[in-house]
Amino acid sequence: QVQYVESGGGLVQPGGSLRLSCAASASNFVFYAMGWYRQAPAKERELVAGISLSGSPNYADSVKGRFTISRDNAKKTVYLQMNSLKPEDTAVYYCNGSPGTLRADLRTYNYWGQGTQVTVSS
């Protein structure tokens, strides 16, 4: 069972920045597509950003131009740099991954970490 440990969240004012980290336990991490997800209160969990095996990123429209996903295969870690944060970015942020490509149906992920809380408020 691959496990993920997210960190880096906190309270930040609108317009501020945070950098999230996700450490993975997968021994074959280099073969995993990875994603950052978030879940706001009373909302469904959604994909925020994904990164392929080759490092190609993709983003939800709501975060394009503000968030940057990256990966360090040697450290088995995925990062999410979040700039120009808005109150609507407030959520618990999770990472997850799957060999080859991300899973379209989030319910098929067997494991989720504890996540890291991001709160954007003045």
C-alpha atoms as a PDB file:
ATOM      1  CA  GLN A   1       0.000   0.000   0.000  1.00  0.00           C
ATOM      2  CA  VAL A   2       1.520   3.282  -1.149  1.00  0.00           C
ATOM      3  CA  GLN A   3       1.216   6.015   1.438  1.00  0.00           C
ATOM      4  CA  TYR A   4       1.462   9.787   1.102  1.00  0.00           C
ATOM      5  CA  VAL A   5       2.296  12.422   3.693  1.00  0.00           C
ATOM      6  CA  GLU A   6       1.232  15.966   2.863  1.00  0.00           C
ATOM      7  CA  SER A   7       2.683  19.053   4.544  1.00  0.00           C
ATOM      8  CA  GLY A   8       3.101  22.779   4.124  1.00  0.00           C
ATOM      9  CA  GLY A   9      -0.416  24.075   4.663  1.00  0.00           C
ATOM     10  CA  GLY A  10      -1.361  26.949   6.897  1.00  0.00           C
ATOM     11  CA  LEU A  11      -3.167  30.241   7.240  1.00  0.00           C
ATOM     12  CA  VAL A  12      -2.315  32.876   4.649  1.00  0.00           C
ATOM     13  CA  GLN A  13      -3.790  36.199   3.608  1.00  0.00           C
ATOM     14  CA  PRO A  14      -5.370  36.658   0.182  1.00  0.00           C
ATOM     15  CA  GLY A  15      -2.656  37.189  -2.404  1.00  0.00           C
ATOM     16  CA  GLY A  16      -0.155  35.194  -0.391  1.00  0.00           C
ATOM     17  CA  SER A  17       1.761  32.023  -1.248  1.00  0.00           C
ATOM     18  CA  LEU A  18       2.287  28.555   0.136  1.00  0.00           C
ATOM     19  CA  ARG A  19       4.303  25.556  -0.991  1.00  0.00           C
ATOM     20  CA  LEU A  20       2.866  22.121  -0.305  1.00  0.00           C
ATOM     21  CA  SER A  21       4.916  18.935  -0.251  1.00  0.00           C
ATOM     22  CA  CYS A  22       3.854  15.325  -0.608  1.00  0.00           C
ATOM     23  CA  ALA A  23       6.225  12.519   0.307  1.00  0.00           C
ATOM     24  CA  ALA A  24       5.403   9.135  -1.226  1.00  0.00           C
ATOM     25  CA  SER A  25       6.373   5.697  -0.003  1.00  0.00           C
ATOM     26  CA  ALA A  26       6.197   4.041  -3.425  1.00  0.00           C
ATOM     27  CA  SER A  27       9.451   2.325  -4.350  1.00  0.00           C
ATOM     28  CA  ASN A  28       8.586   2.764  -8.043  1.00  0.00           C
ATOM     29  CA  PHE A  29       7.487   6.379  -7.680  1.00  0.00           C
ATOM     30  CA  VAL A  30       9.054   7.306 -10.998  1.00  0.00           C
ATOM     31  CA  PHE A  31       6.299   5.300 -12.732  1.00  0.00           C
ATOM     32  CA  TYR A  32       3.468   7.099 -10.928  1.00  0.00           C
ATOM     33  CA  ALA A  33       1.437   9.954 -12.304  1.00  0.00           C
ATOM     34  CA  MET A  34       0.731  12.232  -9.362  1.00  0.00           C
ATOM     35  CA  GLY A  35      -1.936  14.735  -8.511  1.00  0.00           C
ATOM     36  CA  TRP A  36      -2.907  17.318  -5.940  1.00  0.00           C
ATOM     37  CA  TYR A  37      -6.536  17.288  -4.897  1.00  0.00           C
ATOM     38  CA  ARG A  38      -8.560  19.484  -2.570  1.00  0.00           C
ATOM     39  CA  GLN A  39     -11.783  19.266  -0.669  1.00  0.00           C
ATOM     40  CA  ALA A  40     -13.554  22.298   0.676  1.00  0.00           C
ATOM     41  CA  PRO A  41     -16.316  22.027   3.296  1.00  0.00           C
ATOM     42  CA  ALA A  42     -19.531  20.617   1.842  1.00  0.00           C
ATOM     43  CA  LYS A  43     -17.889  20.134  -1.553  1.00  0.00           C
ATOM     44  CA  GLU A  44     -16.603  17.126  -3.414  1.00  0.00           C
ATOM     45  CA  ARG A  45     -12.928  16.384  -3.661  1.00  0.00           C
ATOM     46  CA  GLU A  46     -11.499  17.720  -6.909  1.00  0.00           C
ATOM     47  CA  LEU A  47      -8.296  17.471  -8.909  1.00  0.00           C
ATOM     48  CA  VAL A  48      -6.314  20.703  -8.747  1.00  0.00           C
ATOM     49  CA  ALA A  49      -3.160  19.758 -10.613  1.00  0.00           C
ATOM     50  CA  GLY A  50      -1.575  16.655 -12.075  1.00  0.00           C
ATOM     51  CA  ILE A  51       1.876  15.746 -13.305  1.00  0.00           C
ATOM     52  CA  SER A  52       2.767  12.936 -15.652  1.00  0.00           C
ATOM     53  CA  LEU A  53       5.669  10.504 -15.543  1.00  0.00           C
ATOM     54  CA  SER A  54       7.614  12.821 -17.850  1.00  0.00           C
ATOM     55  CA  GLY A  55       6.824  15.869 -15.756  1.00  0.00           C
ATOM     56  CA  SER A  56       4.110  17.388 -17.940  1.00  0.00           C
ATOM     57  CA  PRO A  57       1.650  19.325 -15.798  1.00  0.00           C
ATOM     58  CA  ASN A  58      -2.051  19.984 -16.113  1.00  0.00           C
ATOM     59  CA  TYR A  59      -4.241  22.263 -14.037  1.00  0.00           C
ATOM     60  CA  ALA A  60      -7.835  22.926 -13.186  1.00  0.00           C
ATOM     61  CA  ASP A  61      -9.035  26.127 -14.803  1.00  0.00           C
ATOM     62  CA  SER A  62      -9.549  27.695 -11.378  1.00  0.00           C
ATOM     63  CA  VAL A  63      -5.811  27.562 -10.562  1.00  0.00           C
ATOM     64  CA  LYS A  64      -4.144  28.019 -13.955  1.00  0.00           C
ATOM     65  CA  GLY A  65      -1.495  30.698 -13.861  1.00  0.00           C
ATOM     66  CA  ARG A  66      -1.395  30.675 -10.060  1.00  0.00           C
ATOM     67  CA  PHE A  67      -0.379  27.128  -9.062  1.00  0.00           C
ATOM     68  CA  THR A  68       2.632  25.105 -10.217  1.00  0.00           C
ATOM     69  CA  ILE A  69       3.054  21.382  -9.696  1.00  0.00           C
ATOM     70  CA  SER A  70       6.470  19.731  -9.797  1.00  0.00           C
ATOM     71  CA  ARG A  71       8.077  16.465  -8.805  1.00  0.00           C
ATOM     72  CA  ASP A  72      11.456  15.250  -7.552  1.00  0.00           C
ATOM     73  CA  ASN A  73      11.714  11.552  -8.323  1.00  0.00           C
ATOM     74  CA  ALA A  74      14.929  11.137  -6.343  1.00  0.00           C
ATOM     75  CA  LYS A  75      13.134  12.371  -3.223  1.00  0.00           C
ATOM     76  CA  LYS A  76       9.826  10.695  -4.164  1.00  0.00           C
ATOM     77  CA  THR A  77       8.144  14.021  -3.515  1.00  0.00           C
ATOM     78  CA  VAL A  78       5.577  16.152  -5.321  1.00  0.00           C
ATOM     79  CA  TYR A  79       5.230  19.865  -4.720  1.00  0.00           C
ATOM     80  CA  LEU A  80       2.485  22.406  -5.266  1.00  0.00           C
ATOM     81  CA  GLN A  81       3.535  26.032  -5.349  1.00  0.00           C
ATOM     82  CA  MET A  82       0.468  28.173  -4.770  1.00  0.00           C
ATOM     83  CA  ASN A  83       0.633  31.897  -5.507  1.00  0.00           C
ATOM     84  CA  SER A  84      -1.980  34.642  -5.534  1.00  0.00           C
ATOM     85  CA  LEU A  85      -4.114  32.625  -3.165  1.00  0.00           C
ATOM     86  CA  LYS A  86      -7.813  33.408  -2.912  1.00  0.00           C
ATOM     87  CA  PRO A  87     -10.342  32.659  -0.170  1.00  0.00           C
ATOM     88  CA  GLU A  88     -11.952  30.103  -2.483  1.00  0.00           C
ATOM     89  CA  ASP A  89      -8.708  28.111  -2.389  1.00  0.00           C
ATOM     90  CA  THR A  90      -9.442  27.276   1.241  1.00  0.00           C
ATOM     91  CA  ALA A  91      -9.610  23.488   1.547  1.00  0.00           C
ATOM     92  CA  VAL A  92      -7.831  20.390   2.748  1.00  0.00           C
ATOM     93  CA  TYR A  93      -5.252  19.480   0.133  1.00  0.00           C
ATOM     94  CA  TYR A  94      -4.332  15.875  -0.587  1.00  0.00           C
ATOM     95  CA  CYS A  95      -1.979  14.151  -2.971  1.00  0.00           C
ATOM     96  CA  ASN A  96      -2.447  10.818  -4.637  1.00  0.00           C
ATOM     97  CA  GLY A  97      -1.145   8.927  -7.585  1.00  0.00           C
ATOM     98  CA  SER A  98      -1.414   5.925  -9.791  1.00  0.00           C
ATOM     99  CA  PRO A  99       0.900   3.980 -12.088  1.00  0.00           C
ATOM    100  CA  GLY A 100       0.888   5.492 -15.566  1.00  0.00           C
ATOM    101  CA  THR A 101      -2.066   7.861 -15.347  1.00  0.00           C
ATOM    102  CA  LEU A 102      -4.230   9.417 -12.678  1.00  0.00           C
ATOM    103  CA  ARG A 103      -7.515   7.737 -11.887  1.00  0.00           C
ATOM    104  CA  ALA A 104     -10.520   9.556 -13.283  1.00  0.00           C
ATOM    105  CA  ASP A 105     -12.820   8.184 -10.571  1.00  0.00           C
ATOM    106  CA  LEU A 106     -11.449   9.299  -7.216  1.00  0.00           C
ATOM    107  CA  ARG A 107     -13.490   6.620  -5.466  1.00  0.00           C
ATOM    108  CA  THR A 108     -11.138   4.003  -6.885  1.00  0.00           C
ATOM    109  CA  TYR A 109      -8.212   5.286  -4.829  1.00  0.00           C
ATOM    110  CA  ASN A 110      -7.859   2.890  -1.887  1.00  0.00           C
ATOM    111  CA  TYR A 111      -5.833   5.240   0.274  1.00  0.00           C
ATOM    112  CA  TRP A 112      -5.775   8.933   1.131  1.00  0.00           C
ATOM    113  CA  GLY A 113      -3.342  10.618   3.464  1.00  0.00           C
ATOM    114  CA  GLN A 114      -4.346  12.999   6.219  1.00  0.00           C
ATOM    115  CA  GLY A 115      -4.076  16.014   3.942  1.00  0.00           C
ATOM    116  CA  THR A 116      -2.909  19.495   4.837  1.00  0.00           C
ATOM    117  CA  GLN A 117      -5.237  22.385   5.624  1.00  0.00           C
ATOM    118  CA  VAL A 118      -4.930  25.573   3.589  1.00  0.00           C
ATOM    119  CA  THR A 119      -6.886  28.554   4.840  1.00  0.00           C
ATOM    120  CA  VAL A 120      -6.906  31.822   2.910  1.00  0.00           C
ATOM    121  CA  SER A 121      -8.362  34.607   4.982  1.00  0.00           C
ATOM    122  CA  SER A 122      -7.666  38.158   6.050  1.00  0.00           C
END
